[in-house]
């Protein structure tokens, strides 16, 4: 059996495990669709914010940013965090609502 076959089988097993962890039905309440969609979008934005913040910290530690760039990045991340908080509150979401469970992979955030 080739390495590609083994990797394919392992990937298929992981995907099957993930699918088993998903709900069998999607609850689509028309009254909550705005909040649900906002939660999904904000989850993606929060994930990307954390990735970018991690990269910025790495650049800070490596000393590859000017003082002006450090200042702008810090301010941008603070404003984004404030806006995220405002949007979560507007749609009635808690911070933990954005931390979706991906089954065997664990929590997203």
Protein backbone atom coordinates (compact mmCIF):
# COMPACT_ATOMS: atom_id res chain seq x y z
CA UNK A 1 0.00 0.00 0.00
CA UNK A 2 1.45 3.37 -1.02
CA UNK A 3 1.86 6.36 1.27
CA UNK A 4 -0.87 8.17 -0.69
CA UNK A 5 -3.29 5.31 -0.02
CA UNK A 6 -2.50 5.37 3.70
CA UNK A 7 -2.87 9.16 3.87
CA UNK A 8 -6.15 8.94 1.95
CA UNK A 9 -7.54 6.35 4.34
CA UNK A 10 -6.44 8.37 7.38
CA UNK A 11 -8.03 11.52 5.97
CA UNK A 12 -11.25 9.65 5.17
CA UNK A 13 -11.33 8.25 8.73
CA UNK A 14 -10.84 11.73 10.21
CA UNK A 15 -13.60 13.18 8.01
CA UNK A 16 -15.95 10.33 8.94
CA UNK A 17 -15.26 11.03 12.63
CA UNK A 18 -15.96 14.73 12.10
CA UNK A 19 -19.24 14.00 10.30
CA UNK A 20 -20.38 11.76 13.17
CA UNK A 21 -19.93 14.72 15.52
CA UNK A 22 -22.19 17.00 13.48
CA UNK A 23 -25.91 17.28 14.21
CA UNK A 24 -28.15 15.13 12.02
CA UNK A 25 -30.58 18.03 11.55
CA UNK A 26 -30.11 21.73 11.09
CA UNK A 27 -32.42 23.83 13.20
CA UNK A 28 -33.46 26.71 10.91
CA UNK A 29 -35.60 29.05 12.96
CA UNK A 30 -36.59 32.02 10.75
CA UNK A 31 -36.76 34.24 13.84
CA UNK A 32 -33.09 33.57 14.66
CA UNK A 33 -31.56 33.52 11.18
CA UNK A 34 -29.97 36.99 11.53
CA UNK A 35 -28.28 36.02 14.77
CA UNK A 36 -27.15 32.65 13.40
CA UNK A 37 -25.68 34.19 10.25
CA UNK A 38 -24.01 36.95 12.27
CA UNK A 39 -22.55 34.30 14.57
CA UNK A 40 -21.06 32.42 11.64
CA UNK A 41 -19.58 35.56 10.08
CA UNK A 42 -18.22 36.80 13.41
CA UNK A 43 -16.70 33.38 14.10
CA UNK A 44 -14.77 33.56 10.83
CA UNK A 45 -13.70 37.15 11.51
CA UNK A 46 -12.57 36.23 15.05
CA UNK A 47 -10.59 33.26 13.75
CA UNK A 48 -8.85 35.46 11.16
CA UNK A 49 -8.22 38.18 13.78
CA UNK A 50 -6.46 35.68 16.01
CA UNK A 51 -4.35 34.35 13.14
CA UNK A 52 -3.32 37.87 12.13
CA UNK A 53 -2.64 38.84 15.74
CA UNK A 54 -0.42 35.78 16.14
CA UNK A 55 1.53 36.77 13.02
CA UNK A 56 1.87 40.35 14.29
CA UNK A 57 3.23 39.13 17.63
CA UNK A 58 5.75 36.96 15.78
CA UNK A 59 6.87 39.97 13.74
CA UNK A 60 7.15 42.03 16.92
CA UNK A 61 9.33 39.37 18.53
CA UNK A 62 11.51 39.18 15.41
CA UNK A 63 11.87 42.97 15.40
CA UNK A 64 10.78 43.32 11.77
CA UNK A 65 8.27 46.14 12.40
CA UNK A 66 8.95 49.84 12.76
CA UNK A 67 7.58 51.66 15.79
CA UNK A 68 4.95 53.26 13.56
CA UNK A 69 3.85 49.85 12.24
CA UNK A 70 3.68 48.48 15.78
CA UNK A 71 1.51 51.42 16.84
CA UNK A 72 -0.83 51.04 13.84
CA UNK A 73 -1.19 47.29 14.33
CA UNK A 74 -1.92 47.67 18.03
CA UNK A 75 -4.53 50.32 17.38
CA UNK A 76 -6.13 48.30 14.56
CA UNK A 77 -6.42 45.18 16.75
CA UNK A 78 -7.88 47.20 19.62
CA UNK A 79 -10.50 48.78 17.35
CA UNK A 80 -11.36 45.44 15.77
CA UNK A 81 -11.82 43.87 19.22
CA UNK A 82 -14.10 46.75 20.26
CA UNK A 83 -16.16 46.42 17.07
CA UNK A 84 -16.42 42.65 17.51
CA UNK A 85 -17.74 43.21 21.05
CA UNK A 86 -20.31 45.74 19.76
CA UNK A 87 -21.50 43.36 17.02
CA UNK A 88 -21.74 40.40 19.40
CA UNK A 89 -23.83 42.48 21.79
CA UNK A 90 -26.03 43.79 18.96
CA UNK A 91 -26.85 40.23 17.83
CA UNK A 92 -27.15 38.90 21.39
CA UNK A 93 -24.11 36.63 21.14
CA UNK A 94 -21.65 35.69 23.85
CA UNK A 95 -17.94 35.28 23.14
CA UNK A 96 -18.29 31.52 23.64
CA UNK A 97 -20.99 31.41 20.92
CA UNK A 98 -18.20 32.06 18.39
CA UNK A 99 -16.15 29.10 19.63
CA UNK A 100 -17.83 26.33 17.64
CA UNK A 101 -17.17 22.67 18.33
CA UNK A 102 -15.49 20.83 15.46
CA UNK A 103 -15.97 17.40 16.99
CA UNK A 104 -12.80 15.35 17.32
CA UNK A 105 -10.67 18.28 16.15
CA UNK A 106 -11.76 20.30 19.18
CA UNK A 107 -13.00 23.85 19.61
CA UNK A 108 -12.32 26.34 16.82
CA UNK A 109 -10.95 29.16 18.97
